[in-house]
Each structure stands twice: as C-alpha cells, then as structure tokens.
Amino acid sequence: MNTDLTQFWTDFINSIDFGDLIERIIFSAIIITAAFLLVQILKPSIKRLDDEIDAIDLSKHSRKLITKAMSYIVYIVALVIILSIFGLDEALYTLLTGGAILGFAIGYAAKDIVSNMLSGIIIAVDRPFKIGHDVELVGVKGTVKEISLRTTVIKLEDGTLVEIPNSLVISKPIKNFSRKKK
C-alpha cells in the first residue's frame, strides 16, 4: 500500500506543469489585486456621487449597502475570471447557474425595494421637485421635507410627516406648486 501511495504522489507531481501553474497563480494574484484596488476606488466614489446629487441624501446605511453590493459584484467577477484561468469550467458553470437562480430569487423578493430605489434615482435626475417645494404627490398635499433613495417625505399642514414610496411618486401625476411657470 505504501508503494501505491508513493506511486500516486509521484504520478500526481509529475502531471503538474509547474511553469504553467506558477503563471496562473501570478495572473490570479494580479486579478485579485486589481479587484481589491477597484473596490477601494469605488467606495469613495459612492460618497462623492451622493454629495454631488443634492436631491438624494443617502443614509450611511444605504451608502454601505450600495458599496457592499458593488464590492460583491467586483469580487464575483474576479472569481469567475480566476476559475476560468485554472480551467475549472464545470465549477464556473455551476457557480453561474447557482448565482443566476439566487439572483432571480433575491430580485423577485426585492422587486419593490429595487423599484423604489430606481425611482429615487429618476427623481434625482429629473428633479420634478426639490426639498422645500409645495407639492401634491399621489393625492397628498404638503411640503417636501426629504428625498431619499427609497421614499419621499411630505410634511402636511398639520405637521404630520408622510413617507411615500418613490415608485408611487413617479407613477402618478406630480403637482408642484412651487415651480415657476416658464
């Protein structure tokens, strides 16, 4: 049995092309380093983007969530590239299939959240109203107090704050009483 084990290890070691293996390891290290650097560049970019778009004030939690999601995407792409470098196509296909199924399930479960966030981005870009404007959104009249990625907060005349999901805001007519006629 000892000779069988010795023979197995000898055959295994002889079957490895160490020059090619070292080249793949070095290339993988470069991919990992590039992914890490890209994530480090993206982190402050989210804060800068938030600071430049006045209409949306991302909470610290939202910024972290977006940064984390972008980081995961970068690292998953790096993992896919590394698996491909090592010729692990079967593992790559399994990973991509599992990821697609998981992504579909998460996307379906979070469709309302994603819809509100995309609507928040549309509101930030189109700017149909600003903080302080008197508006009527989905039948609610009041003053805009806050525009976040997910909701718009309206202060009613009696001081009550109403949070309206952004997907509802952009799907209905917006009356902005503060906007001057052109």
N, C-alpha and C. Protein backbone atom coordinates (compact mmCIF):
# COMPACT_ATOMS: atom_id res chain seq x y z
N MET A 1 0.82 -1.20 0.00
CA MET A 1 0.00 0.00 0.00
C MET A 1 0.86 1.25 0.00
N ASN A 2 1.96 1.23 0.72
CA ASN A 2 2.86 2.38 0.79
C ASN A 2 3.41 2.70 -0.59
N THR A 3 3.72 1.67 -1.37
CA THR A 3 4.25 1.91 -2.72
C THR A 3 3.17 2.47 -3.63
N ASP A 4 1.90 2.06 -3.42
CA ASP A 4 0.81 2.61 -4.22
C ASP A 4 0.62 4.10 -3.94
N LEU A 5 0.70 4.46 -2.66
CA LEU A 5 0.58 5.87 -2.28
C LEU A 5 1.75 6.68 -2.83
N THR A 6 2.94 6.11 -2.72
CA THR A 6 4.13 6.78 -3.24
C THR A 6 4.02 6.96 -4.75
N GLN A 7 3.55 5.93 -5.42
CA GLN A 7 3.39 5.98 -6.88
C GLN A 7 2.34 7.03 -7.26
N PHE A 8 1.24 7.09 -6.48
CA PHE A 8 0.19 8.07 -6.74
C PHE A 8 0.75 9.49 -6.66
N TRP A 9 1.49 9.78 -5.56
CA TRP A 9 2.05 11.11 -5.38
C TRP A 9 3.08 11.43 -6.47
N THR A 10 3.87 10.45 -6.83
CA THR A 10 4.86 10.66 -7.88
C THR A 10 4.17 11.00 -9.20
N ASP A 11 3.14 10.22 -9.54
CA ASP A 11 2.40 10.48 -10.78
C ASP A 11 1.70 11.85 -10.73
N PHE A 12 1.14 12.17 -9.57
CA PHE A 12 0.44 13.45 -9.41
C PHE A 12 1.40 14.63 -9.59
N ILE A 13 2.55 14.57 -8.92
CA ILE A 13 3.54 15.65 -9.01
C ILE A 13 4.07 15.76 -10.44
N ASN A 14 4.31 14.63 -11.09
CA ASN A 14 4.83 14.66 -12.46
C ASN A 14 3.80 15.19 -13.45
N SER A 15 2.51 15.07 -13.13
CA SER A 15 1.47 15.52 -14.06
C SER A 15 1.28 17.04 -14.02
N ILE A 16 1.81 17.69 -13.00
CA ILE A 16 1.64 19.14 -12.86
C ILE A 16 2.72 19.87 -13.64
N ASP A 17 2.29 20.79 -14.48
CA ASP A 17 3.22 21.65 -15.20
C ASP A 17 3.41 22.90 -14.33
N PHE A 18 4.51 22.89 -13.55
CA PHE A 18 4.71 23.95 -12.56
C PHE A 18 4.90 25.32 -13.20
N GLY A 19 5.49 25.38 -14.39
CA GLY A 19 5.65 26.67 -15.07
C GLY A 19 4.30 27.28 -15.37
N ASP A 20 3.39 26.48 -15.91
CA ASP A 20 2.05 26.93 -16.22
C ASP A 20 1.27 27.27 -14.95
N LEU A 21 1.45 26.45 -13.91
CA LEU A 21 0.76 26.68 -12.64
C LEU A 21 1.20 28.00 -12.00
N ILE A 22 2.50 28.25 -11.99
CA ILE A 22 3.02 29.49 -11.41
C ILE A 22 2.50 30.70 -12.19
N GLU A 23 2.46 30.56 -13.51
CA GLU A 23 1.94 31.65 -14.35
C GLU A 23 0.47 31.93 -14.01
N ARG A 24 -0.32 30.88 -13.83
CA ARG A 24 -1.73 31.04 -13.49
C ARG A 24 -1.90 31.67 -12.10
N ILE A 25 -1.07 31.25 -11.15
CA ILE A 25 -1.14 31.80 -9.79
C ILE A 25 -0.79 33.29 -9.81
N ILE A 26 0.24 33.66 -10.55
CA ILE A 26 0.64 35.07 -10.65
C ILE A 26 -0.48 35.89 -11.30
N PHE A 27 -1.04 35.37 -12.38
CA PHE A 27 -2.13 36.08 -13.05
C PHE A 27 -3.34 36.21 -12.13
N SER A 28 -3.62 35.17 -11.36
CA SER A 28 -4.73 35.22 -10.39
C SER A 28 -4.47 36.26 -9.31
N ALA A 29 -3.22 36.34 -8.85
CA ALA A 29 -2.87 37.35 -7.85
C ALA A 29 -3.06 38.76 -8.41
N ILE A 30 -2.74 38.94 -9.69
CA ILE A 30 -2.94 40.24 -10.33
C ILE A 30 -4.44 40.56 -10.39
N ILE A 31 -5.26 39.57 -10.73
CA ILE A 31 -6.71 39.77 -10.80
C ILE A 31 -7.26 40.14 -9.41
N ILE A 32 -6.81 39.43 -8.37
CA ILE A 32 -7.27 39.72 -7.01
C ILE A 32 -6.86 41.13 -6.59
N THR A 33 -5.62 41.50 -6.90
CA THR A 33 -5.14 42.85 -6.56
C THR A 33 -5.94 43.92 -7.30
N ALA A 34 -6.19 43.68 -8.59
CA ALA A 34 -6.97 44.64 -9.38
C ALA A 34 -8.39 44.78 -8.82
N ALA A 35 -8.99 43.66 -8.44
CA ALA A 35 -10.34 43.71 -7.87
C ALA A 35 -10.34 44.50 -6.56
N PHE A 36 -9.35 44.24 -5.71
CA PHE A 36 -9.25 44.96 -4.44
C PHE A 36 -9.08 46.46 -4.68
N LEU A 37 -8.21 46.83 -5.61
CA LEU A 37 -7.99 48.25 -5.91
C LEU A 37 -9.26 48.91 -6.47
N LEU A 38 -9.96 48.19 -7.34
CA LEU A 38 -11.19 48.72 -7.91
C LEU A 38 -12.23 48.99 -6.81
N VAL A 39 -12.34 48.06 -5.87
CA VAL A 39 -13.27 48.26 -4.75
C VAL A 39 -12.86 49.47 -3.92
N GLN A 40 -11.57 49.65 -3.69
CA GLN A 40 -11.09 50.79 -2.91
C GLN A 40 -11.37 52.11 -3.63
N ILE A 41 -11.35 52.09 -4.96
CA ILE A 41 -11.66 53.29 -5.75
C ILE A 41 -13.16 53.56 -5.73
N LEU A 42 -13.98 52.50 -5.79
CA LEU A 42 -15.43 52.67 -5.84
C LEU A 42 -16.02 53.18 -4.53
N LYS A 43 -15.44 52.78 -3.40
CA LYS A 43 -16.01 53.17 -2.10
C LYS A 43 -16.17 54.68 -1.95
N PRO A 44 -15.12 55.48 -2.14
CA PRO A 44 -15.32 56.93 -2.00
C PRO A 44 -16.14 57.53 -3.15
N SER A 45 -16.20 56.84 -4.28
CA SER A 45 -16.97 57.35 -5.42
C SER A 45 -18.46 57.41 -5.09
N ILE A 46 -18.96 56.44 -4.32
CA ILE A 46 -20.37 56.44 -3.93
C ILE A 46 -20.67 57.67 -3.08
N LYS A 47 -19.79 57.97 -2.14
CA LYS A 47 -20.00 59.15 -1.27
C LYS A 47 -19.93 60.44 -2.09
N ARG A 48 -18.96 60.52 -3.01
CA ARG A 48 -18.85 61.72 -3.85
C ARG A 48 -20.09 61.89 -4.71
N LEU A 49 -20.58 60.79 -5.28
CA LEU A 49 -21.78 60.85 -6.11
C LEU A 49 -22.97 61.32 -5.27
N ASP A 50 -23.09 60.79 -4.06
CA ASP A 50 -24.16 61.20 -3.16
C ASP A 50 -24.05 62.68 -2.82
N ASP A 51 -22.83 63.16 -2.59
CA ASP A 51 -22.63 64.57 -2.25
C ASP A 51 -22.96 65.49 -3.43
N GLU A 52 -22.69 65.03 -4.65
CA GLU A 52 -22.92 65.86 -5.83
C GLU A 52 -24.39 65.92 -6.24
N ILE A 53 -25.14 64.86 -5.95
CA ILE A 53 -26.56 64.85 -6.29
C ILE A 53 -27.32 65.32 -5.05
N ASP A 54 -27.65 66.60 -5.03
CA ASP A 54 -28.29 67.20 -3.85
C ASP A 54 -29.67 66.64 -3.57
N ALA A 55 -30.37 66.22 -4.62
CA ALA A 55 -31.76 65.79 -4.44
C ALA A 55 -31.87 64.51 -3.63
N ILE A 56 -30.84 63.68 -3.66
CA ILE A 56 -30.89 62.43 -2.89
C ILE A 56 -29.87 62.50 -1.78
N ASP A 57 -30.34 62.24 -0.60
CA ASP A 57 -29.45 62.21 0.56
C ASP A 57 -29.42 60.77 1.06
N LEU A 58 -28.43 60.01 0.61
CA LEU A 58 -28.32 58.62 1.03
C LEU A 58 -27.94 58.55 2.50
N SER A 59 -28.59 57.67 3.21
CA SER A 59 -28.20 57.46 4.59
C SER A 59 -26.88 56.69 4.60
N LYS A 60 -26.22 56.71 5.74
CA LYS A 60 -24.95 55.99 5.87
C LYS A 60 -25.18 54.50 5.57
N HIS A 61 -26.31 53.98 6.04
CA HIS A 61 -26.65 52.58 5.82
C HIS A 61 -26.83 52.28 4.32
N SER A 62 -27.52 53.15 3.61
CA SER A 62 -27.74 52.95 2.17
C SER A 62 -26.42 52.99 1.41
N ARG A 63 -25.54 53.92 1.79
CA ARG A 63 -24.23 54.00 1.14
C ARG A 63 -23.45 52.71 1.36
N LYS A 64 -23.48 52.21 2.60
CA LYS A 64 -22.77 50.96 2.90
C LYS A 64 -23.34 49.80 2.09
N LEU A 65 -24.66 49.75 1.99
CA LEU A 65 -25.33 48.69 1.26
C LEU A 65 -24.95 48.71 -0.22
N ILE A 66 -24.96 49.88 -0.82
CA ILE A 66 -24.60 50.01 -2.24
C ILE A 66 -23.13 49.67 -2.44
N THR A 67 -22.27 50.15 -1.56
CA THR A 67 -20.84 49.86 -1.65
C THR A 67 -20.58 48.37 -1.52
N LYS A 68 -21.26 47.74 -0.58
CA LYS A 68 -21.08 46.30 -0.37
C LYS A 68 -21.54 45.52 -1.59
N ALA A 69 -22.68 45.90 -2.16
CA ALA A 69 -23.20 45.21 -3.34
C ALA A 69 -22.22 45.35 -4.51
N MET A 70 -21.68 46.55 -4.71
CA MET A 70 -20.71 46.75 -5.78
C MET A 70 -19.44 45.93 -5.52
N SER A 71 -19.02 45.85 -4.27
CA SER A 71 -17.84 45.07 -3.92
C SER A 71 -18.06 43.60 -4.25
N TYR A 72 -19.23 43.08 -3.87
CA TYR A 72 -19.53 41.68 -4.16
C TYR A 72 -19.51 41.41 -5.66
N ILE A 73 -20.06 42.32 -6.43
CA ILE A 73 -20.08 42.14 -7.88
C ILE A 73 -18.65 42.08 -8.43
N VAL A 74 -17.80 42.99 -7.98
CA VAL A 74 -16.40 43.01 -8.44
C VAL A 74 -15.70 41.71 -8.06
N TYR A 75 -15.87 41.27 -6.82
CA TYR A 75 -15.20 40.05 -6.37
C TYR A 75 -15.74 38.80 -7.07
N ILE A 76 -17.02 38.76 -7.36
CA ILE A 76 -17.59 37.62 -8.09
C ILE A 76 -17.04 37.57 -9.51
N VAL A 77 -16.93 38.72 -10.15
CA VAL A 77 -16.33 38.75 -11.50
C VAL A 77 -14.88 38.28 -11.44
N ALA A 78 -14.14 38.70 -10.42
CA ALA A 78 -12.75 38.25 -10.26
C ALA A 78 -12.69 36.74 -10.05
N LEU A 79 -13.61 36.20 -9.25
CA LEU A 79 -13.64 34.75 -9.02
C LEU A 79 -13.93 33.99 -10.31
N VAL A 80 -14.86 34.50 -11.10
CA VAL A 80 -15.19 33.86 -12.38
C VAL A 80 -13.97 33.85 -13.30
N ILE A 81 -13.24 34.95 -13.34
CA ILE A 81 -12.04 35.03 -14.18
C ILE A 81 -10.99 34.04 -13.69
N ILE A 82 -10.79 33.96 -12.37
CA ILE A 82 -9.79 33.05 -11.82
C ILE A 82 -10.17 31.59 -12.08
N LEU A 83 -11.44 31.24 -11.91
CA LEU A 83 -11.87 29.87 -12.21
C LEU A 83 -11.62 29.54 -13.67
N SER A 84 -11.85 30.51 -14.53
CA SER A 84 -11.60 30.31 -15.96
C SER A 84 -10.11 30.13 -16.24
N ILE A 85 -9.26 30.88 -15.54
CA ILE A 85 -7.81 30.76 -15.72
C ILE A 85 -7.34 29.35 -15.40
N PHE A 86 -7.90 28.77 -14.35
CA PHE A 86 -7.50 27.44 -13.93
C PHE A 86 -8.25 26.34 -14.66
N GLY A 87 -9.06 26.70 -15.63
CA GLY A 87 -9.75 25.70 -16.44
C GLY A 87 -10.85 24.97 -15.69
N LEU A 88 -11.38 25.59 -14.68
CA LEU A 88 -12.45 24.97 -13.90
C LEU A 88 -13.80 25.38 -14.46
N ASP A 89 -13.99 25.07 -15.74
CA ASP A 89 -15.21 25.50 -16.42
C ASP A 89 -16.46 24.87 -15.82
N GLU A 90 -16.36 23.61 -15.40
CA GLU A 90 -17.52 22.95 -14.79
C GLU A 90 -17.95 23.68 -13.51
N ALA A 91 -16.97 24.02 -12.68
CA ALA A 91 -17.27 24.77 -11.45
C ALA A 91 -17.81 26.15 -11.80
N LEU A 92 -17.27 26.74 -12.87
CA LEU A 92 -17.72 28.06 -13.30
C LEU A 92 -19.19 28.02 -13.73
N TYR A 93 -19.56 27.01 -14.51
CA TYR A 93 -20.95 26.88 -14.96
C TYR A 93 -21.88 26.65 -13.78
N THR A 94 -21.44 25.83 -12.83
CA THR A 94 -22.25 25.57 -11.64
C THR A 94 -22.43 26.85 -10.84
N LEU A 95 -21.34 27.59 -10.67
CA LEU A 95 -21.39 28.85 -9.93
C LEU A 95 -22.32 29.85 -10.62
N LEU A 96 -22.20 29.97 -11.94
CA LEU A 96 -23.04 30.92 -12.67
C LEU A 96 -24.51 30.51 -12.62
N THR A 97 -24.79 29.22 -12.74
CA THR A 97 -26.18 28.75 -12.68
C THR A 97 -26.76 29.01 -11.29
N GLY A 98 -26.01 28.64 -10.27
CA GLY A 98 -26.48 28.89 -8.89
C GLY A 98 -26.66 30.37 -8.62
N GLY A 99 -25.72 31.17 -9.12
CA GLY A 99 -25.82 32.62 -8.94
C GLY A 99 -27.03 33.20 -9.65
N ALA A 100 -27.32 32.68 -10.84
CA ALA A 100 -28.48 33.17 -11.59
C ALA A 100 -29.77 32.84 -10.86
N ILE A 101 -29.86 31.63 -10.34
CA ILE A 101 -31.06 31.22 -9.60
C ILE A 101 -31.21 32.06 -8.34
N LEU A 102 -30.11 32.23 -7.61
CA LEU A 102 -30.13 33.03 -6.39
C LEU A 102 -30.48 34.49 -6.71
N GLY A 103 -29.88 35.02 -7.76
CA GLY A 103 -30.16 36.40 -8.18
C GLY A 103 -31.61 36.60 -8.55
N PHE A 104 -32.17 35.62 -9.25
CA PHE A 104 -33.59 35.70 -9.62
C PHE A 104 -34.47 35.70 -8.38
N ALA A 105 -34.17 34.81 -7.44
CA ALA A 105 -34.97 34.72 -6.21
C ALA A 105 -34.88 36.01 -5.39
N ILE A 106 -33.66 36.52 -5.23
CA ILE A 106 -33.47 37.75 -4.47
C ILE A 106 -34.12 38.93 -5.20
N GLY A 107 -33.95 38.98 -6.51
CA GLY A 107 -34.54 40.06 -7.30
C GLY A 107 -36.06 40.07 -7.22
N TYR A 108 -36.65 38.89 -7.28
CA TYR A 108 -38.10 38.80 -7.18
C TYR A 108 -38.58 39.24 -5.80
N ALA A 109 -37.85 38.81 -4.77
CA ALA A 109 -38.22 39.17 -3.40
C ALA A 109 -38.04 40.67 -3.14
N ALA A 110 -37.06 41.27 -3.79
CA ALA A 110 -36.72 42.68 -3.52
C ALA A 110 -37.20 43.62 -4.62
N LYS A 111 -38.13 43.17 -5.45
CA LYS A 111 -38.53 43.99 -6.60
C LYS A 111 -39.11 45.35 -6.18
N ASP A 112 -39.87 45.39 -5.09
CA ASP A 112 -40.43 46.67 -4.64
C ASP A 112 -39.33 47.61 -4.16
N ILE A 113 -38.37 47.07 -3.43
CA ILE A 113 -37.25 47.89 -2.94
C ILE A 113 -36.45 48.43 -4.11
N VAL A 114 -36.14 47.55 -5.07
CA VAL A 114 -35.37 47.96 -6.24
C VAL A 114 -36.16 48.99 -7.05
N SER A 115 -37.45 48.77 -7.19
CA SER A 115 -38.30 49.71 -7.92
C SER A 115 -38.27 51.09 -7.27
N ASN A 116 -38.38 51.12 -5.94
CA ASN A 116 -38.33 52.40 -5.23
C ASN A 116 -36.97 53.07 -5.38
N MET A 117 -35.89 52.29 -5.34
CA MET A 117 -34.54 52.86 -5.47
C MET A 117 -34.33 53.42 -6.87
N LEU A 118 -34.73 52.67 -7.89
CA LEU A 118 -34.59 53.18 -9.26
C LEU A 118 -35.44 54.43 -9.45
N SER A 119 -36.62 54.43 -8.86
CA SER A 119 -37.48 55.62 -8.94
C SER A 119 -36.83 56.80 -8.23
N GLY A 120 -36.15 56.54 -7.11
CA GLY A 120 -35.42 57.60 -6.41
C GLY A 120 -34.33 58.20 -7.27
N ILE A 121 -33.65 57.35 -8.02
CA ILE A 121 -32.61 57.83 -8.93
C ILE A 121 -33.24 58.69 -10.04
N ILE A 122 -34.37 58.24 -10.56
CA ILE A 122 -35.07 59.01 -11.60
C ILE A 122 -35.49 60.38 -11.06
N ILE A 123 -36.00 60.40 -9.84
CA ILE A 123 -36.39 61.68 -9.22
C ILE A 123 -35.17 62.59 -9.07
N ALA A 124 -34.03 62.00 -8.69
CA ALA A 124 -32.81 62.80 -8.51
C ALA A 124 -32.33 63.39 -9.83
N VAL A 125 -32.48 62.63 -10.90
CA VAL A 125 -32.01 63.10 -12.21
C VAL A 125 -33.00 64.09 -12.82
N ASP A 126 -34.28 63.75 -12.81
CA ASP A 126 -35.30 64.61 -13.43
C ASP A 126 -35.63 65.85 -12.60
N ARG A 127 -35.53 65.74 -11.29
CA ARG A 127 -35.80 66.82 -10.34
C ARG A 127 -37.16 67.49 -10.56
N PRO A 128 -38.25 66.71 -10.51
CA PRO A 128 -39.57 67.33 -10.67
C PRO A 128 -39.96 68.20 -9.48
N PHE A 129 -39.27 68.03 -8.36
CA PHE A 129 -39.47 68.85 -7.17
C PHE A 129 -38.21 68.79 -6.33
N LYS A 130 -38.09 69.77 -5.41
CA LYS A 130 -36.93 69.83 -4.53
C LYS A 130 -37.41 69.92 -3.09
N ILE A 131 -36.49 69.75 -2.17
CA ILE A 131 -36.81 69.91 -0.76
C ILE A 131 -37.29 71.34 -0.53
N GLY A 132 -38.41 71.48 0.17
CA GLY A 132 -39.00 72.79 0.43
C GLY A 132 -40.12 73.16 -0.52
N HIS A 133 -40.26 72.43 -1.63
CA HIS A 133 -41.34 72.73 -2.58
C HIS A 133 -42.68 72.26 -2.03
N ASP A 134 -43.72 73.04 -2.35
CA ASP A 134 -45.09 72.64 -2.02
C ASP A 134 -45.61 71.80 -3.19
N VAL A 135 -46.01 70.57 -2.88
CA VAL A 135 -46.38 69.63 -3.93
C VAL A 135 -47.63 68.84 -3.54
N GLU A 136 -48.16 68.17 -4.56
CA GLU A 136 -49.18 67.14 -4.32
C GLU A 136 -48.69 65.88 -5.03
N LEU A 137 -48.41 64.86 -4.23
CA LEU A 137 -47.92 63.58 -4.74
C LEU A 137 -48.90 62.50 -4.33
N VAL A 138 -49.37 61.72 -5.26
CA VAL A 138 -50.34 60.64 -5.04
C VAL A 138 -51.49 61.08 -4.14
N GLY A 139 -51.97 62.30 -4.36
CA GLY A 139 -53.10 62.81 -3.60
C GLY A 139 -52.75 63.41 -2.25
N VAL A 140 -51.46 63.47 -1.92
CA VAL A 140 -51.01 64.01 -0.63
C VAL A 140 -50.42 65.40 -0.88
N LYS A 141 -51.01 66.43 -0.24
CA LYS A 141 -50.53 67.80 -0.39
C LYS A 141 -49.68 68.17 0.81
N GLY A 142 -48.54 68.81 0.53
CA GLY A 142 -47.68 69.25 1.61
C GLY A 142 -46.36 69.76 1.09
N THR A 143 -45.41 69.91 2.01
CA THR A 143 -44.08 70.42 1.68
C THR A 143 -43.08 69.28 1.71
N VAL A 144 -42.24 69.21 0.68
CA VAL A 144 -41.22 68.15 0.61
C VAL A 144 -40.18 68.40 1.69
N LYS A 145 -40.00 67.44 2.57
CA LYS A 145 -39.02 67.56 3.66
C LYS A 145 -37.77 66.74 3.40
N GLU A 146 -37.93 65.62 2.70
CA GLU A 146 -36.78 64.74 2.48
C GLU A 146 -37.01 63.91 1.22
N ILE A 147 -35.95 63.73 0.46
CA ILE A 147 -35.99 62.85 -0.70
C ILE A 147 -34.85 61.85 -0.50
N SER A 148 -35.22 60.62 -0.26
CA SER A 148 -34.19 59.59 -0.09
C SER A 148 -34.24 58.66 -1.29
N LEU A 149 -33.39 57.68 -1.28
CA LEU A 149 -33.35 56.74 -2.40
C LEU A 149 -34.64 55.92 -2.47
N ARG A 150 -35.26 55.66 -1.34
CA ARG A 150 -36.43 54.79 -1.29
C ARG A 150 -37.75 55.54 -1.18
N THR A 151 -37.78 56.65 -0.45
CA THR A 151 -39.04 57.36 -0.21
C THR A 151 -38.87 58.87 -0.33
N THR A 152 -40.02 59.54 -0.46
CA THR A 152 -40.08 61.00 -0.39
C THR A 152 -40.97 61.33 0.81
N VAL A 153 -40.48 62.22 1.67
CA VAL A 153 -41.23 62.58 2.89
C VAL A 153 -41.90 63.94 2.67
N ILE A 154 -43.21 63.96 2.92
CA ILE A 154 -44.02 65.17 2.77
C ILE A 154 -44.52 65.57 4.16
N LYS A 155 -44.42 66.87 4.46
CA LYS A 155 -44.97 67.39 5.72
C LYS A 155 -46.32 68.04 5.41
N LEU A 156 -47.36 67.52 6.04
CA LEU A 156 -48.70 68.06 5.85
C LEU A 156 -48.85 69.37 6.62
N GLU A 157 -49.95 70.10 6.37
CA GLU A 157 -50.19 71.38 7.05
C GLU A 157 -50.27 71.22 8.56
N ASP A 158 -50.76 70.06 9.03
CA ASP A 158 -50.89 69.84 10.48
C ASP A 158 -49.58 69.34 11.11
N GLY A 159 -48.51 69.25 10.30
CA GLY A 159 -47.21 68.84 10.82
C GLY A 159 -46.92 67.35 10.70
N THR A 160 -47.90 66.58 10.27
CA THR A 160 -47.72 65.14 10.10
C THR A 160 -46.77 64.86 8.94
N LEU A 161 -45.85 63.94 9.16
CA LEU A 161 -44.93 63.53 8.09
C LEU A 161 -45.46 62.27 7.42
N VAL A 162 -45.48 62.28 6.10
CA VAL A 162 -45.96 61.14 5.32
C VAL A 162 -44.83 60.67 4.42
N GLU A 163 -44.48 59.39 4.52
CA GLU A 163 -43.47 58.80 3.63
C GLU A 163 -44.17 58.15 2.45
N ILE A 164 -43.78 58.54 1.26
CA ILE A 164 -44.39 57.98 0.05
C ILE A 164 -43.30 57.23 -0.71
N PRO A 165 -43.53 55.95 -1.02
CA PRO A 165 -42.54 55.21 -1.81
C PRO A 165 -42.32 55.88 -3.17
N ASN A 166 -41.07 55.99 -3.57
CA ASN A 166 -40.74 56.70 -4.81
C ASN A 166 -41.36 56.06 -6.05
N SER A 167 -41.60 54.75 -6.03
CA SER A 167 -42.22 54.12 -7.20
C SER A 167 -43.64 54.64 -7.40
N LEU A 168 -44.33 54.96 -6.31
CA LEU A 168 -45.67 55.56 -6.43
C LEU A 168 -45.57 57.00 -6.93
N VAL A 169 -44.56 57.72 -6.45
CA VAL A 169 -44.39 59.13 -6.82
C VAL A 169 -44.25 59.27 -8.33
N ILE A 170 -43.41 58.45 -8.96
CA ILE A 170 -43.19 58.64 -10.40
C ILE A 170 -44.26 57.98 -11.26
N SER A 171 -45.11 57.17 -10.65
CA SER A 171 -46.15 56.52 -11.46
C SER A 171 -47.44 57.34 -11.52
N LYS A 172 -47.51 58.42 -10.75
CA LYS A 172 -48.71 59.28 -10.72
C LYS A 172 -48.32 60.71 -11.10
N PRO A 173 -49.31 61.51 -11.49
CA PRO A 173 -49.01 62.92 -11.80
C PRO A 173 -48.45 63.65 -10.58
N ILE A 174 -47.50 64.53 -10.83
CA ILE A 174 -46.88 65.33 -9.77
C ILE A 174 -47.31 66.77 -9.95
N LYS A 175 -47.91 67.34 -8.91
CA LYS A 175 -48.27 68.77 -8.93
C LYS A 175 -47.25 69.49 -8.07
N ASN A 176 -46.50 70.39 -8.70
CA ASN A 176 -45.50 71.18 -7.98
C ASN A 176 -45.98 72.63 -7.98
N PHE A 177 -46.45 73.08 -6.82
CA PHE A 177 -46.99 74.44 -6.70
C PHE A 177 -45.88 75.48 -6.56
N SER A 178 -44.67 75.04 -6.28
CA SER A 178 -43.54 75.97 -6.09
C SER A 178 -42.79 76.25 -7.37
N ARG A 179 -42.95 75.42 -8.36
CA ARG A 179 -42.22 75.60 -9.61
C ARG A 179 -42.84 76.75 -10.39
N LYS A 180 -41.99 77.65 -10.84
CA LYS A 180 -42.46 78.82 -11.58
C LYS A 180 -42.80 78.42 -13.01
N LYS A 181 -43.83 79.07 -13.55
CA LYS A 181 -44.22 78.83 -14.93
C LYS A 181 -43.19 79.46 -15.86
N LYS A 182 -42.95 78.77 -16.97
CA LYS A 182 -41.96 79.28 -17.94
C LYS A 182 -42.64 80.06 -19.02
